[in-house]
Amino acid sequence: DSQGNIYVVLDEYGKDSSDPENVKDVFTLFSYNKNGDENWNMVLGDGAKPEDMYYVNQLVIDHNDNIIIKSSTGIEVYGKDSKKISEMALDEADNSGSLLLMKDNTLALISYGDSNVSLKKIDLANNKATDSQDFPFNSYNYSYFPSLTNDLLLTDSNGVYVYNDGDTVLTKIMDYVDSDIMSTSLYSIRQLDEKSFIGTYYDDETSKTLCAKFTKVDPSTIKDREVLTLGCNYLDTDVRKHIIAYNKENSDYRIKVIDYSIYNTVDDYTVSQTKLNTDIISGNMPDILLMNSDMPVNSYVSKKLFA
C-alpha cells in the first residue's frame, strides 16, 4: 500500500477438519510492515455458509489502501486496520473473471464470456456491476493488468499494449522481438512510471523464469540500421530465436516482425490473410515472408513476388 505495508493471503490446505467428510482449506490474510514485521492477521471466510467451499483467488489494494479480496462468495473490502468495510456477491459467470484497479481508482472486472471478453465497472456502494462493454478486438488472446497512466495494460505472445476506454485498437508499447527478448509472454507486469515496468517471463534461451525491469530507450541513442520486415501469420518459435540472434549480432540490419494474426477475430480467422494480400497489392509486401499452408503461395510465385 502507500505506506509500504505488504499484504498476503496464506492458503493452508485441508486445515479445517471439523467435518471429516468435508475438509476445507483455511485462508488467512496477513499484514506486514515494510521491515517484514507482522502488523496483524485474520482468518477469511468466517461468514461463508458451512456448505460453501470457501477460497480466495485474488487480492487488490486500491488507492485508498483498502484491501479488496475476491473470493468464492464475491468481493470483500477491508480497511488497513482489518475491519470489513463492505461486501458484494458475484454471480458464477462474473466470479470466474479477474479484478483490476483502473487509474482513476475504479474497480473493474474482466469477465470471460462465450465469444468475447468484457470489462465491467464494479459499484461497491450499490453492490452491482455496471457499464459492461466488450473489447473491440480478439480479446481472448490477451492477459490484462492495471496501469498507472492508461486504463489497462495487456500482453500477448508478441508484446505489451495499452488500452483506454473507448479505444478501437490497442497501442503497442513493447515488442518482444524488437527488445531482443526470447519469450512469448509476460506472466505478470506492473508499471513503475511512463517509461518503465517490471515483469516476469519464461526465457526460452535459459529455460528459466526471470524477473526483469524494462525501460524505454531513447531512440536517439540507438544506431540507425536498415530494417527488413518479416511477415507471418503467427511467429514460429525457432524462427523467433534466429531473428533475435541475428538482430543482436548484426550492426547494419535489423529484422522487424509483422504478425498478421493480430487482425484475426473470434468469428473470422481469415482477416490476417486478407490484410497481408491488401498490403501486397498496395506495395507494402514484407521483405521476408514466413509461409504457411493457408497462403496462396502458387499465386504469389506466378505474380513473381519472390526473389
C-alpha atoms as a PDB file:
ATOM      1  CA  ASP A   1       0.000   0.000   0.000  1.00  0.00           C
ATOM      2  CA  SER A   2       1.050   3.679   0.070  1.00  0.00           C
ATOM      3  CA  GLN A   3       2.817   3.178   3.429  1.00  0.00           C
ATOM      4  CA  GLY A   4       4.830   0.196   2.245  1.00  0.00           C
ATOM      5  CA  ASN A   5       2.760  -2.381   4.118  1.00  0.00           C
ATOM      6  CA  ILE A   6       2.620  -5.772   2.433  1.00  0.00           C
ATOM      7  CA  TYR A   7      -0.475  -7.987   2.317  1.00  0.00           C
ATOM      8  CA  VAL A   8      -0.510 -11.697   1.609  1.00  0.00           C
ATOM      9  CA  VAL A   9      -3.069 -14.481   1.798  1.00  0.00           C
ATOM     10  CA  LEU A  10      -1.925 -17.838   3.157  1.00  0.00           C
ATOM     11  CA  ASP A  11      -3.802 -20.920   1.917  1.00  0.00           C
ATOM     12  CA  GLU A  12      -3.430 -23.844   4.339  1.00  0.00           C
ATOM     13  CA  TYR A  13      -4.624 -26.911   2.503  1.00  0.00           C
ATOM     14  CA  GLY A  14      -7.210 -29.015   4.368  1.00  0.00           C
ATOM     15  CA  LYS A  15      -6.550 -27.378   7.755  1.00  0.00           C
ATOM     16  CA  ASP A  16     -10.229 -27.184   8.720  1.00  0.00           C
ATOM     17  CA  SER A  17     -11.086 -30.798   9.589  1.00  0.00           C
ATOM     18  CA  SER A  18     -14.090 -30.068  11.804  1.00  0.00           C
ATOM     19  CA  ASP A  19     -16.138 -32.105   9.303  1.00  0.00           C
ATOM     20  CA  PRO A  20     -14.041 -35.186   8.386  1.00  0.00           C
ATOM     21  CA  GLU A  21     -16.129 -35.736   5.245  1.00  0.00           C
ATOM     22  CA  ASN A  22     -15.737 -32.158   4.069  1.00  0.00           C
ATOM     23  CA  VAL A  23     -12.193 -30.998   4.918  1.00  0.00           C
ATOM     24  CA  LYS A  24     -11.603 -27.358   3.926  1.00  0.00           C
ATOM     25  CA  ASP A  25      -8.700 -25.018   3.270  1.00  0.00           C
ATOM     26  CA  VAL A  26      -8.131 -22.142   5.690  1.00  0.00           C
ATOM     27  CA  PHE A  27      -7.312 -18.744   4.169  1.00  0.00           C
ATOM     28  CA  THR A  28      -5.584 -16.152   6.386  1.00  0.00           C
ATOM     29  CA  LEU A  29      -4.886 -12.535   5.447  1.00  0.00           C
ATOM     30  CA  PHE A  30      -1.603 -11.178   6.849  1.00  0.00           C
ATOM     31  CA  SER A  31      -0.398  -7.578   7.025  1.00  0.00           C
ATOM     32  CA  TYR A  32       3.339  -6.889   7.353  1.00  0.00           C
ATOM     33  CA  ASN A  33       5.180  -3.583   7.624  1.00  0.00           C
ATOM     34  CA  LYS A  34       7.946  -2.750   5.158  1.00  0.00           C
ATOM     35  CA  ASN A  35      10.515  -4.269   7.524  1.00  0.00           C
ATOM     36  CA  GLY A  36       8.730  -7.612   7.416  1.00  0.00           C
ATOM     37  CA  ASP A  37       7.219  -7.451  10.916  1.00  0.00           C
ATOM     38  CA  GLU A  38       3.633  -8.672  11.211  1.00  0.00           C
ATOM     39  CA  ASN A  39       1.002  -5.966  11.846  1.00  0.00           C
ATOM     40  CA  TRP A  40      -1.953  -8.337  12.152  1.00  0.00           C
ATOM     41  CA  ASN A  41      -3.612 -11.405  10.662  1.00  0.00           C
ATOM     42  CA  MET A  42      -7.196 -12.559  10.283  1.00  0.00           C
ATOM     43  CA  VAL A  43      -8.920 -15.701   9.049  1.00  0.00           C
ATOM     44  CA  LEU A  44     -11.109 -15.054   5.997  1.00  0.00           C
ATOM     45  CA  GLY A  45     -14.392 -16.695   5.138  1.00  0.00           C
ATOM     46  CA  ASP A  46     -15.949 -16.723   8.600  1.00  0.00           C
ATOM     47  CA  GLY A  47     -19.212 -15.537   7.091  1.00  0.00           C
ATOM     48  CA  ALA A  48     -19.357 -18.267   4.458  1.00  0.00           C
ATOM     49  CA  LYS A  49     -22.058 -20.906   4.762  1.00  0.00           C
ATOM     50  CA  PRO A  50     -20.945 -24.293   6.132  1.00  0.00           C
ATOM     51  CA  GLU A  51     -21.640 -25.986   2.801  1.00  0.00           C
ATOM     52  CA  ASP A  52     -19.552 -23.440   0.877  1.00  0.00           C
ATOM     53  CA  MET A  53     -16.038 -24.472  -0.107  1.00  0.00           C
ATOM     54  CA  TYR A  54     -14.602 -21.016   0.609  1.00  0.00           C
ATOM     55  CA  TYR A  55     -11.480 -19.959  -1.272  1.00  0.00           C
ATOM     56  CA  VAL A  56      -9.602 -16.766  -2.163  1.00  0.00           C
ATOM     57  CA  ASN A  57      -8.357 -16.180  -5.684  1.00  0.00           C
ATOM     58  CA  GLN A  58      -7.317 -12.521  -5.771  1.00  0.00           C
ATOM     59  CA  LEU A  59      -6.004  -9.666  -3.624  1.00  0.00           C
ATOM     60  CA  VAL A  60      -6.058  -5.998  -4.746  1.00  0.00           C
ATOM     61  CA  ILE A  61      -5.028  -2.819  -2.886  1.00  0.00           C
ATOM     62  CA  ASP A  62      -6.823   0.329  -4.061  1.00  0.00           C
ATOM     63  CA  HIS A  63      -5.534   3.914  -3.992  1.00  0.00           C
ATOM     64  CA  ASN A  64      -7.110   4.472  -0.561  1.00  0.00           C
ATOM     65  CA  ASP A  65      -5.201   1.486   0.883  1.00  0.00           C
ATOM     66  CA  ASN A  66      -8.365  -0.587   1.116  1.00  0.00           C
ATOM     67  CA  ILE A  67      -7.802  -4.328   0.844  1.00  0.00           C
ATOM     68  CA  ILE A  68     -10.063  -5.939  -1.749  1.00  0.00           C
ATOM     69  CA  ILE A  69     -10.447  -9.709  -1.657  1.00  0.00           C
ATOM     70  CA  LYS A  70     -12.110 -11.654  -4.465  1.00  0.00           C
ATOM     71  CA  SER A  71     -13.314 -14.954  -3.046  1.00  0.00           C
ATOM     72  CA  SER A  72     -15.760 -17.730  -3.818  1.00  0.00           C
ATOM     73  CA  THR A  73     -18.519 -15.653  -2.205  1.00  0.00           C
ATOM     74  CA  GLY A  74     -17.803 -12.443  -4.137  1.00  0.00           C
ATOM     75  CA  ILE A  75     -15.896  -9.267  -3.268  1.00  0.00           C
ATOM     76  CA  GLU A  76     -14.898  -8.345   0.304  1.00  0.00           C
ATOM     77  CA  VAL A  77     -13.375  -4.963   1.210  1.00  0.00           C
ATOM     78  CA  TYR A  78     -11.307  -4.407   4.370  1.00  0.00           C
ATOM     79  CA  GLY A  79      -9.577  -1.358   5.787  1.00  0.00           C
ATOM     80  CA  LYS A  80      -5.875  -1.431   6.604  1.00  0.00           C
ATOM     81  CA  ASP A  81      -6.919  -1.953  10.241  1.00  0.00           C
ATOM     82  CA  SER A  82      -8.521  -5.296   9.144  1.00  0.00           C
ATOM     83  CA  LYS A  83     -12.119  -4.142   9.691  1.00  0.00           C
ATOM     84  CA  LYS A  84     -14.609  -5.136   6.979  1.00  0.00           C
ATOM     85  CA  ILE A  85     -15.955  -2.158   5.039  1.00  0.00           C
ATOM     86  CA  SER A  86     -18.300  -3.829   2.549  1.00  0.00           C
ATOM     87  CA  GLU A  87     -19.022  -6.985   0.586  1.00  0.00           C
ATOM     88  CA  MET A  88     -20.693  -7.770  -2.722  1.00  0.00           C
ATOM     89  CA  ALA A  89     -21.890 -11.063  -4.147  1.00  0.00           C
ATOM     90  CA  LEU A  90     -20.979 -12.078  -7.707  1.00  0.00           C
ATOM     91  CA  ASP A  91     -22.807 -14.488  -9.959  1.00  0.00           C
ATOM     92  CA  GLU A  92     -20.983 -17.575 -11.200  1.00  0.00           C
ATOM     93  CA  ALA A  93     -20.028 -16.041 -14.558  1.00  0.00           C
ATOM     94  CA  ASP A  94     -18.537 -12.884 -13.044  1.00  0.00           C
ATOM     95  CA  ASN A  95     -16.770 -14.797 -10.287  1.00  0.00           C
ATOM     96  CA  SER A  96     -14.696 -16.580 -12.943  1.00  0.00           C
ATOM     97  CA  GLY A  97     -13.240 -13.244 -14.034  1.00  0.00           C
ATOM     98  CA  SER A  98     -10.456 -11.135 -12.528  1.00  0.00           C
ATOM     99  CA  LEU A  99     -10.428  -7.791 -10.734  1.00  0.00           C
ATOM    100  CA  LEU A 100      -8.377  -4.821 -11.935  1.00  0.00           C
ATOM    101  CA  LEU A 101      -7.887  -1.394 -10.435  1.00  0.00           C
ATOM    102  CA  MET A 102      -8.022   1.302 -13.102  1.00  0.00           C
ATOM    103  CA  LYS A 103      -6.009   4.523 -12.989  1.00  0.00           C
ATOM    104  CA  ASP A 104      -8.954   6.549 -11.568  1.00  0.00           C
ATOM    105  CA  ASN A 105      -9.298   4.042  -8.660  1.00  0.00           C
ATOM    106  CA  THR A 106     -12.336   2.460 -10.307  1.00  0.00           C
ATOM    107  CA  LEU A 107     -12.592  -1.261  -9.617  1.00  0.00           C
ATOM    108  CA  ALA A 108     -13.200  -3.240 -12.796  1.00  0.00           C
ATOM    109  CA  LEU A 109     -13.908  -6.867 -13.585  1.00  0.00           C
ATOM    110  CA  ILE A 110     -12.538  -8.676 -16.622  1.00  0.00           C
ATOM    111  CA  SER A 111     -15.342 -11.116 -17.427  1.00  0.00           C
ATOM    112  CA  TYR A 112     -14.931 -14.029 -19.855  1.00  0.00           C
ATOM    113  CA  GLY A 113     -17.996 -14.787 -21.984  1.00  0.00           C
ATOM    114  CA  ASP A 114     -18.672 -17.406 -24.664  1.00  0.00           C
ATOM    115  CA  SER A 115     -17.456 -15.269 -27.566  1.00  0.00           C
ATOM    116  CA  ASN A 116     -15.619 -12.294 -26.098  1.00  0.00           C
ATOM    117  CA  VAL A 117     -14.075 -10.734 -23.015  1.00  0.00           C
ATOM    118  CA  SER A 118     -15.870  -7.789 -21.423  1.00  0.00           C
ATOM    119  CA  LEU A 119     -14.963  -5.026 -18.992  1.00  0.00           C
ATOM    120  CA  LYS A 120     -17.395  -4.297 -16.160  1.00  0.00           C
ATOM    121  CA  LYS A 121     -17.153  -1.454 -13.654  1.00  0.00           C
ATOM    122  CA  ILE A 122     -17.806  -2.537 -10.055  1.00  0.00           C
ATOM    123  CA  ASP A 123     -20.021  -0.222  -7.976  1.00  0.00           C
ATOM    124  CA  LEU A 124     -19.350  -1.434  -4.425  1.00  0.00           C
ATOM    125  CA  ALA A 125     -21.568   1.265  -2.875  1.00  0.00           C
ATOM    126  CA  ASN A 126     -24.632  -0.111  -4.688  1.00  0.00           C
ATOM    127  CA  ASN A 127     -23.488  -3.738  -4.950  1.00  0.00           C
ATOM    128  CA  LYS A 128     -23.670  -4.058  -8.719  1.00  0.00           C
ATOM    129  CA  ALA A 129     -21.592  -4.338 -11.884  1.00  0.00           C
ATOM    130  CA  THR A 130     -22.245  -1.556 -14.407  1.00  0.00           C
ATOM    131  CA  ASP A 131     -21.164  -0.312 -17.848  1.00  0.00           C
ATOM    132  CA  SER A 132     -20.432  -3.737 -19.249  1.00  0.00           C
ATOM    133  CA  GLN A 133     -18.680  -3.495 -22.622  1.00  0.00           C
ATOM    134  CA  ASP A 134     -16.993  -5.985 -24.925  1.00  0.00           C
ATOM    135  CA  PHE A 135     -13.461  -5.232 -26.052  1.00  0.00           C
ATOM    136  CA  PRO A 136     -13.324  -4.292 -29.777  1.00  0.00           C
ATOM    137  CA  PHE A 137     -10.565  -6.791 -30.616  1.00  0.00           C
ATOM    138  CA  ASN A 138      -9.809 -10.513 -30.382  1.00  0.00           C
ATOM    139  CA  SER A 139      -9.756 -10.230 -26.606  1.00  0.00           C
ATOM    140  CA  TYR A 140      -9.146 -13.884 -25.705  1.00  0.00           C
ATOM    141  CA  ASN A 141      -5.565 -13.538 -26.987  1.00  0.00           C
ATOM    142  CA  TYR A 142      -4.552 -11.180 -24.169  1.00  0.00           C
ATOM    143  CA  SER A 143      -3.839 -11.054 -20.451  1.00  0.00           C
ATOM    144  CA  TYR A 144      -4.997  -7.948 -18.569  1.00  0.00           C
ATOM    145  CA  PHE A 145      -3.159  -5.857 -15.960  1.00  0.00           C
ATOM    146  CA  PRO A 146      -3.599  -2.464 -14.249  1.00  0.00           C
ATOM    147  CA  SER A 147      -1.773   0.635 -15.479  1.00  0.00           C
ATOM    148  CA  LEU A 148      -0.669   3.885 -13.863  1.00  0.00           C
ATOM    149  CA  THR A 149      -1.015   6.019 -16.994  1.00  0.00           C
ATOM    150  CA  ASN A 150      -3.724   4.211 -19.016  1.00  0.00           C
ATOM    151  CA  ASP A 151      -6.842   2.242 -18.208  1.00  0.00           C
ATOM    152  CA  LEU A 152      -5.258  -1.155 -18.834  1.00  0.00           C
ATOM    153  CA  LEU A 153      -2.040  -2.912 -19.787  1.00  0.00           C
ATOM    154  CA  LEU A 154      -2.327  -6.003 -21.975  1.00  0.00           C
ATOM    155  CA  THR A 155       0.147  -8.676 -23.017  1.00  0.00           C
ATOM    156  CA  ASP A 156       0.073 -11.371 -25.678  1.00  0.00           C
ATOM    157  CA  SER A 157       2.637 -13.563 -27.453  1.00  0.00           C
ATOM    158  CA  ASN A 158       4.074 -10.558 -29.313  1.00  0.00           C
ATOM    159  CA  GLY A 159       4.363  -7.750 -26.790  1.00  0.00           C
ATOM    160  CA  VAL A 160       2.792  -5.270 -24.368  1.00  0.00           C
ATOM    161  CA  TYR A 161      -0.057  -2.869 -25.175  1.00  0.00           C
ATOM    162  CA  VAL A 162      -2.083  -0.090 -23.564  1.00  0.00           C
ATOM    163  CA  TYR A 163      -5.844   0.363 -23.744  1.00  0.00           C
ATOM    164  CA  ASN A 164      -8.102   3.242 -22.734  1.00  0.00           C
ATOM    165  CA  ASP A 165     -11.878   3.221 -22.514  1.00  0.00           C
ATOM    166  CA  GLY A 166     -13.258   3.965 -25.985  1.00  0.00           C
ATOM    167  CA  ASP A 167     -10.189   2.847 -27.945  1.00  0.00           C
ATOM    168  CA  THR A 168     -10.955   0.785 -31.043  1.00  0.00           C
ATOM    169  CA  VAL A 169      -7.396  -0.547 -31.374  1.00  0.00           C
ATOM    170  CA  LEU A 170      -4.579  -1.336 -28.980  1.00  0.00           C
ATOM    171  CA  THR A 171      -1.364   0.679 -28.842  1.00  0.00           C
ATOM    172  CA  LYS A 172       1.789  -1.449 -28.632  1.00  0.00           C
ATOM    173  CA  ILE A 173       4.400  -0.073 -26.225  1.00  0.00           C
ATOM    174  CA  MET A 174       6.821  -3.007 -26.337  1.00  0.00           C
ATOM    175  CA  ASP A 175       7.616  -5.750 -28.841  1.00  0.00           C
ATOM    176  CA  TYR A 176       9.461  -8.811 -27.530  1.00  0.00           C
ATOM    177  CA  VAL A 177      11.450  -9.339 -30.728  1.00  0.00           C
ATOM    178  CA  ASP A 178      12.333  -5.640 -31.035  1.00  0.00           C
ATOM    179  CA  SER A 179      13.564  -5.798 -27.430  1.00  0.00           C
ATOM    180  CA  ASP A 180      15.642  -8.959 -28.100  1.00  0.00           C
ATOM    181  CA  ILE A 181      13.640 -10.956 -25.561  1.00  0.00           C
ATOM    182  CA  MET A 182      13.370 -14.673 -26.279  1.00  0.00           C
ATOM    183  CA  SER A 183       9.902 -15.175 -24.826  1.00  0.00           C
ATOM    184  CA  THR A 184       6.287 -15.368 -25.911  1.00  0.00           C
ATOM    185  CA  SER A 185       4.627 -13.962 -22.800  1.00  0.00           C
ATOM    186  CA  LEU A 186       4.948 -11.872 -19.671  1.00  0.00           C
ATOM    187  CA  TYR A 187       3.249 -13.753 -16.822  1.00  0.00           C
ATOM    188  CA  SER A 188       2.796 -10.614 -14.758  1.00  0.00           C
ATOM    189  CA  ILE A 189       3.537  -6.949 -15.257  1.00  0.00           C
ATOM    190  CA  ARG A 190       3.441  -3.845 -13.056  1.00  0.00           C
ATOM    191  CA  GLN A 191       4.031  -0.336 -14.349  1.00  0.00           C
ATOM    192  CA  LEU A 192       6.522   1.850 -12.447  1.00  0.00           C
ATOM    193  CA  ASP A 193       6.150   5.055 -14.470  1.00  0.00           C
ATOM    194  CA  GLU A 194       5.526   6.220 -18.045  1.00  0.00           C
ATOM    195  CA  LYS A 195       8.767   4.697 -19.335  1.00  0.00           C
ATOM    196  CA  SER A 196       9.334   1.578 -17.259  1.00  0.00           C
ATOM    197  CA  PHE A 197       7.680  -1.520 -15.825  1.00  0.00           C
ATOM    198  CA  ILE A 198       8.668  -4.777 -14.196  1.00  0.00           C
ATOM    199  CA  GLY A 199       7.556  -8.217 -15.316  1.00  0.00           C
ATOM    200  CA  THR A 200       8.185 -11.941 -15.049  1.00  0.00           C
ATOM    201  CA  TYR A 201       8.616 -14.150 -18.099  1.00  0.00           C
ATOM    202  CA  TYR A 202       9.899 -17.541 -19.211  1.00  0.00           C
ATOM    203  CA  ASP A 203      13.146 -17.188 -21.135  1.00  0.00           C
ATOM    204  CA  ASP A 204      13.394 -19.794 -23.897  1.00  0.00           C
ATOM    205  CA  GLU A 205      17.179 -19.411 -24.137  1.00  0.00           C
ATOM    206  CA  THR A 206      17.965 -20.156 -20.480  1.00  0.00           C
ATOM    207  CA  SER A 207      14.831 -22.232 -19.739  1.00  0.00           C
ATOM    208  CA  LYS A 208      14.307 -20.150 -16.608  1.00  0.00           C
ATOM    209  CA  THR A 209      11.618 -17.834 -15.311  1.00  0.00           C
ATOM    210  CA  LEU A 210      13.101 -14.358 -14.963  1.00  0.00           C
ATOM    211  CA  CYS A 211      12.026 -11.111 -13.330  1.00  0.00           C
ATOM    212  CA  ALA A 212      13.189  -8.010 -15.177  1.00  0.00           C
ATOM    213  CA  LYS A 213      12.824  -4.251 -15.313  1.00  0.00           C
ATOM    214  CA  PHE A 214      12.059  -2.886 -18.772  1.00  0.00           C
ATOM    215  CA  THR A 215      12.823   0.743 -19.632  1.00  0.00           C
ATOM    216  CA  LYS A 216      12.009   2.550 -22.894  1.00  0.00           C
ATOM    217  CA  VAL A 217      15.230   3.535 -24.635  1.00  0.00           C
ATOM    218  CA  ASP A 218      15.725   6.988 -26.115  1.00  0.00           C
ATOM    219  CA  PRO A 219      15.679   6.362 -29.914  1.00  0.00           C
ATOM    220  CA  SER A 220      18.446   8.933 -30.419  1.00  0.00           C
ATOM    221  CA  THR A 221      20.868   6.664 -28.533  1.00  0.00           C
ATOM    222  CA  ILE A 222      20.342   3.738 -30.923  1.00  0.00           C
ATOM    223  CA  LYS A 223      22.459   3.347 -34.045  1.00  0.00           C
ATOM    224  CA  ASP A 224      20.429   3.522 -37.255  1.00  0.00           C
ATOM    225  CA  ARG A 225      20.136   0.179 -39.033  1.00  0.00           C
ATOM    226  CA  GLU A 226      18.307  -0.753 -42.206  1.00  0.00           C
ATOM    227  CA  VAL A 227      15.077  -2.529 -41.271  1.00  0.00           C
ATOM    228  CA  LEU A 228      13.956  -5.722 -43.012  1.00  0.00           C
ATOM    229  CA  THR A 229      10.337  -6.694 -42.371  1.00  0.00           C
ATOM    230  CA  LEU A 230       9.303 -10.307 -41.851  1.00  0.00           C
ATOM    231  CA  GLY A 231       5.605 -11.004 -42.378  1.00  0.00           C
ATOM    232  CA  CYS A 232       3.913 -14.049 -40.853  1.00  0.00           C
ATOM    233  CA  ASN A 233       0.657 -15.438 -39.590  1.00  0.00           C
ATOM    234  CA  TYR A 234       1.843 -16.435 -36.081  1.00  0.00           C
ATOM    235  CA  LEU A 235       5.586 -16.463 -35.488  1.00  0.00           C
ATOM    236  CA  ASP A 236       7.292 -19.837 -35.185  1.00  0.00           C
ATOM    237  CA  THR A 237       9.418 -20.195 -32.020  1.00  0.00           C
ATOM    238  CA  ASP A 238      12.534 -21.373 -33.882  1.00  0.00           C
ATOM    239  CA  VAL A 239      12.269 -18.517 -36.367  1.00  0.00           C
ATOM    240  CA  ARG A 240      11.857 -16.083 -33.457  1.00  0.00           C
ATOM    241  CA  LYS A 241      15.088 -17.423 -31.937  1.00  0.00           C
ATOM    242  CA  HIS A 242      17.037 -16.899 -35.172  1.00  0.00           C
ATOM    243  CA  ILE A 243      15.612 -13.390 -35.654  1.00  0.00           C
ATOM    244  CA  ILE A 244      16.674 -12.300 -32.168  1.00  0.00           C
ATOM    245  CA  ALA A 245      20.147 -13.812 -32.628  1.00  0.00           C
ATOM    246  CA  TYR A 246      20.506 -12.032 -35.982  1.00  0.00           C
ATOM    247  CA  ASN A 247      19.362  -8.701 -34.521  1.00  0.00           C
ATOM    248  CA  LYS A 248      21.822  -8.951 -31.653  1.00  0.00           C
ATOM    249  CA  GLU A 249      24.790  -9.751 -33.895  1.00  0.00           C
ATOM    250  CA  ASN A 250      24.187  -7.546 -36.937  1.00  0.00           C
ATOM    251  CA  SER A 251      25.204  -3.886 -36.728  1.00  0.00           C
ATOM    252  CA  ASP A 252      23.857  -2.832 -40.150  1.00  0.00           C
ATOM    253  CA  TYR A 253      20.491  -4.592 -40.487  1.00  0.00           C
ATOM    254  CA  ARG A 254      17.602  -5.455 -38.215  1.00  0.00           C
ATOM    255  CA  ILE A 255      14.575  -7.706 -38.801  1.00  0.00           C
ATOM    256  CA  LYS A 256      11.191  -6.420 -37.650  1.00  0.00           C
ATOM    257  CA  VAL A 257       8.273  -8.842 -37.385  1.00  0.00           C
ATOM    258  CA  ILE A 258       4.785  -8.057 -38.696  1.00  0.00           C
ATOM    259  CA  ASP A 259       2.490 -10.755 -37.268  1.00  0.00           C
ATOM    260  CA  TYR A 260      -0.740 -10.531 -39.243  1.00  0.00           C
ATOM    261  CA  SER A 261      -2.544 -12.893 -36.847  1.00  0.00           C
ATOM    262  CA  ILE A 262      -3.334  -9.908 -34.610  1.00  0.00           C
ATOM    263  CA  TYR A 263      -6.002  -8.881 -37.143  1.00  0.00           C
ATOM    264  CA  ASN A 264      -7.975 -12.123 -36.746  1.00  0.00           C
ATOM    265  CA  THR A 265     -11.220 -12.067 -34.786  1.00  0.00           C
ATOM    266  CA  VAL A 266     -13.079 -14.748 -32.871  1.00  0.00           C
ATOM    267  CA  ASP A 267     -15.516 -15.058 -35.773  1.00  0.00           C
ATOM    268  CA  ASP A 268     -13.078 -14.752 -38.674  1.00  0.00           C
ATOM    269  CA  TYR A 269      -9.566 -16.186 -38.766  1.00  0.00           C
ATOM    270  CA  THR A 270      -9.043 -15.206 -42.414  1.00  0.00           C
ATOM    271  CA  VAL A 271      -8.674 -11.484 -41.708  1.00  0.00           C
ATOM    272  CA  SER A 272      -4.903 -11.879 -41.348  1.00  0.00           C
ATOM    273  CA  GLN A 273      -4.579 -13.312 -44.857  1.00  0.00           C
ATOM    274  CA  THR A 274      -6.814 -10.588 -46.273  1.00  0.00           C
ATOM    275  CA  LYS A 275      -4.680  -7.914 -44.594  1.00  0.00           C
ATOM    276  CA  LEU A 276      -1.468  -9.464 -45.981  1.00  0.00           C
ATOM    277  CA  ASN A 277      -2.925  -9.572 -49.506  1.00  0.00           C
ATOM    278  CA  THR A 278      -4.033  -5.957 -49.173  1.00  0.00           C
ATOM    279  CA  ASP A 279      -0.514  -4.921 -48.142  1.00  0.00           C
ATOM    280  CA  ILE A 280       0.964  -6.798 -51.102  1.00  0.00           C
ATOM    281  CA  ILE A 281      -1.421  -5.154 -53.578  1.00  0.00           C
ATOM    282  CA  SER A 282      -0.678  -1.701 -52.145  1.00  0.00           C
ATOM    283  CA  GLY A 283       3.081  -2.226 -52.437  1.00  0.00           C
ATOM    284  CA  ASN A 284       3.751  -2.895 -48.747  1.00  0.00           C
ATOM    285  CA  MET A 285       4.831  -6.509 -49.088  1.00  0.00           C
ATOM    286  CA  PRO A 286       7.207  -7.677 -46.324  1.00  0.00           C
ATOM    287  CA  ASP A 287      10.846  -8.199 -47.291  1.00  0.00           C
ATOM    288  CA  ILE A 288      10.689 -11.755 -45.928  1.00  0.00           C
ATOM    289  CA  LEU A 289       7.588 -13.955 -45.790  1.00  0.00           C
ATOM    290  CA  LEU A 290       7.165 -16.836 -43.365  1.00  0.00           C
ATOM    291  CA  MET A 291       4.827 -19.033 -45.392  1.00  0.00           C
ATOM    292  CA  ASN A 292       2.158 -21.462 -44.232  1.00  0.00           C
ATOM    293  CA  SER A 293      -0.402 -23.753 -45.827  1.00  0.00           C
ATOM    294  CA  ASP A 294      -3.135 -21.096 -45.773  1.00  0.00           C
ATOM    295  CA  MET A 295      -1.227 -18.720 -48.044  1.00  0.00           C
ATOM    296  CA  PRO A 296      -1.808 -18.791 -51.827  1.00  0.00           C
ATOM    297  CA  VAL A 297       1.889 -19.414 -52.424  1.00  0.00           C
ATOM    298  CA  ASN A 298       1.477 -20.519 -56.052  1.00  0.00           C
ATOM    299  CA  SER A 299      -0.343 -17.289 -56.802  1.00  0.00           C
ATOM    300  CA  TYR A 300       2.495 -15.313 -55.236  1.00  0.00           C
ATOM    301  CA  VAL A 301       5.020 -17.244 -57.341  1.00  0.00           C
ATOM    302  CA  SER A 302       3.056 -16.727 -60.581  1.00  0.00           C
ATOM    303  CA  LYS A 303       2.984 -12.982 -59.893  1.00  0.00           C
ATOM    304  CA  LYS A 304       6.788 -13.080 -59.429  1.00  0.00           C
ATOM    305  CA  LEU A 305       6.625 -11.615 -55.940  1.00  0.00           C
ATOM    306  CA  PHE A 306       9.645 -13.585 -54.731  1.00  0.00           C
ATOM    307  CA  ALA A 307      13.315 -13.050 -55.484  1.00  0.00           C
END
